[in-house]
Every structure is written in C-alpha cells, then in structure tokens.
Amino acid sequence: MFEAHAQTIEPAPTADEPDTLAEAVQADPGVILDKIAAWVEGFQRLLPNIAVALVVLLVFVGLGWGVQNALVRWGKRRDRENLGAVLGSFVKWAVIVLGGLVALIVVIPTFNPGDLIAGLGIGSIAIGFAFKDILQNWLAGLLLLIRRPFRIGDEIVVNGYEGRVEWIETRATMIRTYDGRRAIIPNADVFTNAVTVNTAFDLRRSEVDVGIGYGDPIPAAREAILAALREVEGVEPDPAPEVLAWELAGSSVNLKVRWWSHSRRTDVVHVQARVVEAIKGALDRAGIDMPFPTQVVLHHDQTEEVDGVRGRQREGWPPRQDGPQPRPARDMAFPRDGAQGDG
C-alpha cells in the first residue's frame, strides 16, 4: 500500500582518502625548484645569444648616431641645419628600432617581426589614432623644411601670431613675438593655414595718410613731403617715395604717403616714426594747415509753425531779415500736423 523510497547516502571520506581540492592546491617544492632550475639552464644556454644581441644593438646605436651626425653636417653645409637635425633624429631612431628587432631575432631565432605586427591587430589601429596628431605634425614639419616657404630668422604672420621664426622641430614651429614672448604653433596648422612672410623680400612698402586743408595747394604739400622723405634715414631712394591725393574728406584733403624701407620689423617701425616726424615739420615750415576733424551741428526751433516742413524749416539759421517771420507754435491756429499738411 505504501511504496518505499530508496535513498542513496554517500559514505563520508575517511582519513586515509585525501581531499581532492586540497591536493590540487597543495604546492610541491620540488616541482618549483625544477622549474627554476630549467629557467636558469635555459638562460645559460641563451647567454651567448644575448651577448651577440647586445653587440648588434650597440652597433646599430652607433650607426644611428653616426648617420645623424652626418645629416647634421650635411644640413650645415647646405644652409639647411634645421632639416638636417630633423632628418638625423628620425633616421637615428629608425636605425635603433631596426637594431632592436635584429637583436630580438638573435636572442629568439623563432621571433618574426611580421607576427608581432599581426599580433597587435586592433591595438595597432588604436596606437595609430593615438599618434595621429604627432605623425601629422612631424610630416608637416618635414614638408616645411623641404619646401622652405620661410626660413629660420624670417618674420612671419600665422594664425594671428607675428614674430621671428626661431626653430622648426618635429612637432611645432617656434616663433618669438615682437614683445619678447614665444609662440609654439603646431606644424600642421602652419602648413595648412595662410602664412604672411614679411621678410621674404629685402624691401617692404609702408604708408601713412596725411590731411591738409582745403585752402592749401596740393602740389606744394607734395613737394614739401617728398623733400622731407629724401632726408629721412632708412627710406630707400629706389623705389622712390610718392605722395598721392587720395581722398576729399569731411574736413581735409587726405594725401597717401608711400615709401620703401628694409623689411625687418625694427626698421619698418623706426623708419615710420622718423617719416611722420619729418612730414609734420615740413608742413609746418611750409605753412600748410593740418586741420582737425570738424563737425557741424544744426539745431532748429521746434516751437515754430514750420517745424518739419521741408523748404521752410530754418534748421538753426538766424531769423529772416525781411518778410514774415515764422510764428511760434503757441500762436498757431492748427496743430503741427496741420502745418505739415500746408507744405
């Protein structure tokens, strides 16, 4: 009537049967010593290879330094010292890396550099993205040094920075600004943006506007200014300075004075200061007026009946000498809108 259920009960392990987990964890000192002995023996067998590999690496390091020095000397002889330094540094490290790979092959004959590159896999892509900016700036710097749009010592304007080029390194171009600061501009920005080279040519033209009075003769002012410019130190006689009647302004006739000087910033600034001083003195001696800007402000009486009526509003002029005078607004029979309608 009732069914009996059989229950299997596993016997407990006896003291003579060791626990399997404990046996697996238990370390045998003899096995460890055998491993260490095998490592030492393998290292001893590799000692000759390691010695040869070190010699090979030292040879490649010396070769890299020798190539670098040769490229630097080549750059100095050809007035391309900056290019020689950049190329020398690149070739030196390329030779040293090649020597390291050869040394690894000597130590581990089964080592294949191709397997190393293939083993990097996605990691090589990540490394490429990480060094993208560095490689881009290095390549831009190399192209700048090869094509030479400007040289060391030139004064340039790029990305809002203006100054003298001190050095072009693998990452950036060093510029010393005119106020004594250093601007470090990435080579990629210099290569891809517009650059103004102020010292690309020996001479540079400068100009300044000078205003004279409407009652003064332009030829007399021109001759006085040209005579003064001929005496200014730093103004080049060829191309000759020139004075052009440029604008009929509100309170003066503006003349544009042009001259040429050396293209260096210090010469441009100091010559312009001497030119302005000479022009002022020459015009004063010639009795030519240099008027100040003037403005005429007209006021009108807004209480008059003709206020706002074109052709009748006085615009600040004195009362008429003859004829009927405008009536004050308080005596008007109609509002101001009616007066405007009369016009």
Protein backbone atom coordinates (compact mmCIF):
# COMPACT_ATOMS: atom_id res chain seq x y z
CA MET A 1 0.00 0.00 0.00
CA PHE A 2 2.86 2.39 0.74
CA GLU A 3 5.91 2.45 -1.57
CA ALA A 4 9.30 2.65 -0.05
CA HIS A 5 11.64 5.27 -1.45
CA ALA A 6 15.28 4.26 -1.60
CA GLN A 7 17.74 6.99 -0.62
CA THR A 8 21.39 6.73 -1.55
CA ILE A 9 23.74 8.03 1.08
CA GLU A 10 27.38 8.59 0.07
CA PRO A 11 29.86 7.49 2.67
CA ALA A 12 31.95 10.24 4.24
CA PRO A 13 35.59 10.28 3.26
CA THR A 14 37.88 8.57 5.62
CA ALA A 15 41.08 9.95 6.98
CA ASP A 16 43.09 7.78 4.57
CA GLU A 17 41.48 9.41 1.46
CA PRO A 18 42.90 12.98 0.95
CA ASP A 19 40.63 15.76 -0.19
CA THR A 20 40.97 16.35 -3.96
CA LEU A 21 40.81 20.19 -3.79
CA ALA A 22 43.38 20.39 -1.05
CA GLU A 23 45.64 18.08 -3.02
CA ALA A 24 45.35 20.30 -6.09
CA VAL A 25 46.15 23.43 -4.16
CA GLN A 26 48.99 21.87 -2.27
CA ALA A 27 52.31 23.03 -3.85
CA ASP A 28 55.21 20.65 -4.22
CA PRO A 29 58.51 22.45 -3.50
CA GLY A 30 60.34 20.01 -5.70
CA VAL A 31 58.32 20.98 -8.76
CA ILE A 32 59.02 24.68 -8.17
CA LEU A 33 62.73 24.05 -7.81
CA ASP A 34 62.75 22.02 -11.01
CA LYS A 35 61.06 24.89 -12.84
CA ILE A 36 63.57 27.43 -11.57
CA ALA A 37 66.43 25.13 -12.50
CA ALA A 38 65.04 24.75 -16.01
CA TRP A 39 64.78 28.53 -16.37
CA VAL A 40 68.33 29.05 -15.18
CA GLU A 41 69.60 26.38 -17.51
CA GLY A 42 67.70 27.95 -20.46
CA PHE A 43 69.09 31.37 -19.59
CA GLN A 44 72.61 29.95 -19.52
CA ARG A 45 72.09 28.45 -22.95
CA LEU A 46 70.86 31.88 -24.22
CA LEU A 47 73.80 33.81 -22.74
CA PRO A 48 75.86 33.66 -25.96
CA ASN A 49 72.87 34.82 -27.99
CA ILE A 50 72.19 37.65 -25.54
CA ALA A 51 75.81 38.75 -25.71
CA VAL A 52 75.73 38.78 -29.52
CA ALA A 53 72.39 40.62 -29.45
CA LEU A 54 73.81 43.34 -27.18
CA VAL A 55 76.78 43.76 -29.51
CA VAL A 56 74.45 44.01 -32.51
CA LEU A 57 72.27 46.57 -30.72
CA LEU A 58 75.31 48.68 -29.79
CA VAL A 59 76.49 48.57 -33.38
CA PHE A 60 73.12 49.80 -34.61
CA VAL A 61 73.04 52.54 -31.95
CA GLY A 62 76.48 53.73 -33.03
CA LEU A 63 75.42 53.57 -36.66
CA GLY A 64 72.33 55.65 -35.86
CA TRP A 65 74.35 58.34 -34.11
CA GLY A 66 76.84 58.36 -37.00
CA VAL A 67 74.09 58.82 -39.59
CA GLN A 68 72.55 61.60 -37.50
CA ASN A 69 75.84 63.48 -37.26
CA ALA A 70 76.40 63.07 -41.00
CA LEU A 71 72.97 64.51 -41.78
CA VAL A 72 73.51 67.42 -39.39
CA ARG A 73 76.83 68.25 -41.06
CA TRP A 74 75.17 67.98 -44.47
CA GLY A 75 72.48 70.42 -43.36
CA LYS A 76 75.04 72.94 -42.10
CA ARG A 77 77.00 72.83 -45.37
CA ARG A 78 73.85 73.49 -47.40
CA ASP A 79 72.37 76.07 -45.03
CA ARG A 80 69.67 73.54 -44.05
CA GLU A 81 70.70 72.95 -40.44
CA ASN A 82 67.10 72.60 -39.23
CA LEU A 83 66.29 69.98 -41.90
CA GLY A 84 69.47 68.06 -41.12
CA ALA A 85 68.60 67.95 -37.42
CA VAL A 86 65.05 66.67 -38.02
CA LEU A 87 66.09 64.05 -40.58
CA GLY A 88 69.04 62.98 -38.46
CA SER A 89 66.86 62.42 -35.41
CA PHE A 90 64.32 60.41 -37.43
CA VAL A 91 66.94 58.21 -39.14
CA LYS A 92 68.77 57.62 -35.86
CA TRP A 93 65.69 56.24 -34.10
CA ALA A 94 64.71 54.22 -37.18
CA VAL A 95 68.13 52.55 -37.18
CA ILE A 96 67.96 51.91 -33.42
CA VAL A 97 64.49 50.30 -33.73
CA LEU A 98 65.78 48.13 -36.58
CA GLY A 99 68.72 47.12 -34.42
CA GLY A 100 66.36 46.15 -31.60
CA LEU A 101 64.40 43.87 -33.93
CA VAL A 102 67.59 42.23 -35.16
CA ALA A 103 68.73 41.74 -31.57
CA LEU A 104 65.42 40.02 -30.73
CA ILE A 105 65.85 37.70 -33.71
CA VAL A 106 69.34 36.80 -32.46
CA VAL A 107 68.08 36.05 -28.95
CA ILE A 108 64.88 34.31 -30.11
CA PRO A 109 65.51 32.73 -33.53
CA THR A 110 61.83 31.89 -33.89
CA PHE A 111 60.80 35.54 -33.49
CA ASN A 112 59.20 37.07 -36.60
CA PRO A 113 58.59 40.85 -36.69
CA GLY A 114 55.67 40.26 -39.03
CA ASP A 115 53.98 38.12 -36.42
CA LEU A 116 54.43 40.95 -33.91
CA ILE A 117 52.71 43.45 -36.21
CA ALA A 118 49.92 40.99 -36.99
CA GLY A 119 49.50 40.21 -33.30
CA LEU A 120 48.87 43.85 -32.50
CA GLY A 121 45.65 43.69 -34.53
CA ILE A 122 43.12 46.26 -33.38
CA GLY A 123 45.68 47.58 -30.92
CA SER A 124 47.79 48.87 -33.82
CA ILE A 125 44.78 50.87 -35.07
CA ALA A 126 44.32 52.39 -31.62
CA ILE A 127 48.01 53.26 -31.48
CA GLY A 128 47.71 54.86 -34.92
CA PHE A 129 44.83 57.05 -33.80
CA ALA A 130 46.70 57.97 -30.62
CA PHE A 131 49.77 59.12 -32.56
CA LYS A 132 47.84 60.65 -35.49
CA ASP A 133 48.46 64.25 -34.45
CA ILE A 134 52.13 63.56 -33.72
CA LEU A 135 52.70 61.95 -37.11
CA GLN A 136 50.72 64.68 -38.87
CA ASN A 137 52.77 67.44 -37.25
CA TRP A 138 56.02 65.59 -37.95
CA LEU A 139 55.19 65.14 -41.63
CA ALA A 140 54.07 68.78 -41.91
CA GLY A 141 57.31 69.93 -40.30
CA LEU A 142 59.35 67.79 -42.71
CA LEU A 143 57.49 69.25 -45.70
CA LEU A 144 58.03 72.78 -44.40
CA LEU A 145 61.74 72.13 -44.10
CA ILE A 146 61.97 70.59 -47.57
CA ARG A 147 59.87 73.16 -49.42
CA ARG A 148 61.12 76.13 -47.33
CA PRO A 149 58.26 78.63 -47.67
CA PHE A 150 60.14 80.52 -44.96
CA ARG A 151 63.48 80.11 -43.22
CA ILE A 152 64.86 80.35 -39.73
CA GLY A 153 65.07 84.05 -38.89
CA ASP A 154 62.21 85.10 -41.17
CA GLU A 155 59.42 87.23 -39.72
CA ILE A 156 56.00 85.70 -40.41
CA VAL A 157 52.32 86.11 -39.52
CA VAL A 158 50.30 82.91 -38.98
CA ASN A 159 47.10 82.24 -37.02
CA GLY A 160 47.18 85.72 -35.51
CA TYR A 161 50.79 85.33 -34.27
CA GLU A 162 53.52 87.56 -35.66
CA GLY A 163 57.21 87.29 -34.94
CA ARG A 164 60.56 85.81 -35.94
CA VAL A 165 60.94 82.08 -36.64
CA GLU A 166 63.43 80.62 -34.16
CA TRP A 167 63.26 76.91 -34.92
CA ILE A 168 61.18 74.22 -36.64
CA GLU A 169 61.15 70.99 -34.66
CA THR A 170 59.37 67.68 -35.24
CA ARG A 171 56.14 68.85 -33.58
CA ALA A 172 55.87 72.62 -33.78
CA THR A 173 57.30 75.86 -35.13
CA MET A 174 58.79 78.24 -32.56
CA ILE A 175 58.10 81.96 -33.09
CA ARG A 176 59.49 84.77 -30.97
CA THR A 177 56.91 87.56 -30.95
CA TYR A 178 57.93 91.21 -31.11
CA ASP A 179 57.08 91.74 -27.43
CA GLY A 180 59.53 89.03 -26.34
CA ARG A 181 57.21 86.00 -25.98
CA ARG A 182 57.46 82.56 -27.57
CA ALA A 183 54.57 81.16 -29.60
CA ILE A 184 54.58 77.40 -30.22
CA ILE A 185 52.42 76.65 -33.27
CA PRO A 186 51.78 73.04 -34.41
CA ASN A 187 53.37 72.33 -37.78
CA ALA A 188 50.07 71.08 -39.19
CA ASP A 189 48.49 74.50 -38.52
CA VAL A 190 51.41 76.30 -40.13
CA PHE A 191 51.29 74.04 -43.18
CA THR A 192 47.52 74.24 -43.75
CA ASN A 193 46.91 77.94 -42.94
CA ALA A 194 47.84 81.09 -44.80
CA VAL A 195 51.25 82.47 -43.80
CA THR A 196 52.49 86.01 -44.48
CA VAL A 197 56.29 86.17 -44.74
CA ASN A 198 57.20 89.79 -44.01
CA THR A 199 60.90 89.29 -44.75
CA ALA A 200 60.51 87.23 -47.94
CA PHE A 201 61.95 90.22 -49.86
CA ASP A 202 64.59 92.74 -48.88
CA LEU A 203 62.33 95.80 -49.09
CA ARG A 204 58.85 96.48 -47.78
CA ARG A 205 56.47 99.36 -48.53
CA SER A 206 54.85 101.38 -45.77
CA GLU A 207 52.27 104.16 -45.97
CA VAL A 208 50.58 106.82 -43.85
CA ASP A 209 47.66 109.20 -44.51
CA VAL A 210 48.20 112.96 -44.07
CA GLY A 211 45.36 115.53 -44.16
CA ILE A 212 45.84 119.10 -45.37
CA GLY A 213 43.39 121.99 -45.52
CA TYR A 214 41.08 122.57 -48.48
CA GLY A 215 42.61 126.01 -48.98
CA ASP A 216 46.19 124.66 -49.24
CA PRO A 217 47.71 123.73 -52.64
CA ILE A 218 48.25 120.02 -53.09
CA PRO A 219 51.44 120.38 -55.25
CA ALA A 220 53.16 122.49 -52.59
CA ALA A 221 52.28 119.96 -49.89
CA ARG A 222 53.51 117.11 -52.10
CA GLU A 223 56.87 118.76 -52.74
CA ALA A 224 57.37 119.57 -49.07
CA ILE A 225 56.66 115.98 -48.05
CA LEU A 226 58.88 114.44 -50.75
CA ALA A 227 61.75 116.77 -49.84
CA ALA A 228 61.42 115.71 -46.22
CA LEU A 229 61.35 111.99 -47.09
CA ARG A 230 64.58 112.26 -49.07
CA GLU A 231 66.34 113.28 -45.88
CA VAL A 232 64.93 110.53 -43.65
CA GLU A 233 67.38 107.78 -42.76
CA GLY A 234 66.16 104.35 -43.82
CA VAL A 235 63.85 105.49 -46.65
CA GLU A 236 65.03 103.81 -49.86
CA PRO A 237 65.60 106.09 -52.86
CA ASP A 238 64.62 103.28 -55.26
CA PRO A 239 61.70 102.71 -55.47
CA ALA A 240 61.22 106.41 -54.83
CA PRO A 241 58.70 107.71 -52.28
CA GLU A 242 55.40 109.02 -53.60
CA VAL A 243 52.58 111.26 -52.40
CA LEU A 244 49.09 110.68 -53.86
CA ALA A 245 45.97 112.81 -53.46
CA TRP A 246 43.73 110.11 -52.05
CA GLU A 247 40.50 111.41 -50.52
CA LEU A 248 38.34 114.51 -50.17
CA ALA A 249 37.33 114.04 -46.55
CA GLY A 250 34.91 116.00 -44.44
CA SER A 251 37.44 118.49 -43.10
CA SER A 252 40.66 117.82 -45.03
CA VAL A 253 42.20 116.65 -48.29
CA ASN A 254 43.92 113.36 -47.45
CA LEU A 255 47.26 112.53 -49.05
CA LYS A 256 48.63 108.99 -49.00
CA VAL A 257 52.38 108.97 -48.43
CA ARG A 258 54.24 105.80 -49.50
CA TRP A 259 57.86 104.81 -49.08
CA TRP A 260 60.08 101.71 -49.04
CA SER A 261 62.38 100.51 -46.26
CA HIS A 262 64.07 97.31 -45.15
CA SER A 263 61.53 94.57 -44.46
CA ARG A 264 62.62 93.83 -40.90
CA ARG A 265 60.09 94.87 -38.27
CA THR A 266 62.51 97.06 -36.34
CA ASP A 267 63.42 99.01 -39.49
CA VAL A 268 59.78 99.42 -40.54
CA VAL A 269 58.72 100.78 -37.15
CA HIS A 270 61.60 103.19 -36.63
CA VAL A 271 61.59 104.50 -40.19
CA GLN A 272 57.85 105.19 -39.99
CA ALA A 273 58.35 107.15 -36.76
CA ARG A 274 61.02 109.29 -38.43
CA VAL A 275 58.84 109.78 -41.51
CA VAL A 276 55.85 111.04 -39.52
CA GLU A 277 58.05 113.46 -37.58
CA ALA A 278 59.66 114.75 -40.79
CA ILE A 279 56.28 115.26 -42.50
CA LYS A 280 54.92 117.26 -39.57
CA GLY A 281 57.96 119.51 -39.52
CA ALA A 282 57.98 120.03 -43.30
CA LEU A 283 54.29 121.03 -43.44
CA ASP A 284 54.71 123.40 -40.51
CA ARG A 285 57.65 125.11 -42.19
CA ALA A 286 55.72 125.39 -45.46
CA GLY A 287 52.74 126.97 -43.68
CA ILE A 288 50.38 124.20 -44.78
CA ASP A 289 47.46 123.59 -42.46
CA MET A 290 46.76 120.16 -40.98
CA PRO A 291 43.17 120.65 -39.85
CA PHE A 292 41.41 118.81 -37.09
CA PRO A 293 38.22 116.91 -37.92
CA THR A 294 35.24 119.26 -37.59
CA GLN A 295 31.53 118.63 -37.24
CA VAL A 296 28.59 120.99 -37.89
CA VAL A 297 25.55 120.50 -35.69
CA LEU A 298 22.35 122.27 -36.80
CA HIS A 299 19.52 122.97 -34.38
CA HIS A 300 16.02 124.15 -35.21
CA ASP A 301 13.31 125.74 -33.13
CA GLN A 302 10.67 123.04 -32.67
CA THR A 303 8.17 125.67 -31.41
CA GLU A 304 7.70 127.26 -34.83
CA GLU A 305 4.76 126.54 -37.10
CA VAL A 306 7.06 125.40 -39.95
CA ASP A 307 8.77 122.73 -37.85
CA GLY A 308 9.02 119.62 -40.02
CA VAL A 309 8.03 121.39 -43.25
CA ARG A 310 10.76 120.85 -45.87
CA GLY A 311 11.97 124.06 -47.53
CA ARG A 312 10.59 126.29 -44.77
CA GLN A 313 12.17 124.94 -41.62
CA ARG A 314 15.13 127.12 -40.67
CA GLU A 315 17.41 124.32 -39.31
CA GLY A 316 19.15 126.62 -36.82
CA TRP A 317 19.71 129.61 -39.13
CA PRO A 318 19.06 133.10 -37.74
CA PRO A 319 15.67 134.83 -38.31
CA ARG A 320 14.94 136.25 -41.72
CA GLN A 321 15.99 139.81 -42.46
CA ASP A 322 12.84 140.56 -44.41
CA GLY A 323 9.48 139.02 -44.96
CA PRO A 324 7.15 137.44 -42.42
CA GLN A 325 8.75 135.55 -39.59
CA PRO A 326 7.55 132.07 -38.58
CA ARG A 327 5.03 132.23 -35.81
CA PRO A 328 5.53 130.44 -32.51
CA ALA A 329 3.64 127.21 -32.14
CA ARG A 330 1.53 128.64 -29.27
CA ASP A 331 0.05 131.19 -31.70
CA MET A 332 -0.76 128.58 -34.34
CA ALA A 333 -4.44 128.02 -35.12
CA PHE A 334 -3.76 124.42 -36.13
CA PRO A 335 -1.56 121.71 -34.66
CA ARG A 336 1.78 120.85 -36.16
CA ASP A 337 0.24 118.14 -38.34
CA GLY A 338 -1.84 120.83 -39.98
CA ALA A 339 1.30 122.85 -40.67
CA GLN A 340 2.92 119.85 -42.32
CA GLY A 341 -0.19 119.48 -44.44
CA ASP A 342 0.21 123.10 -45.62
CA GLY A 343 3.60 122.21 -47.04
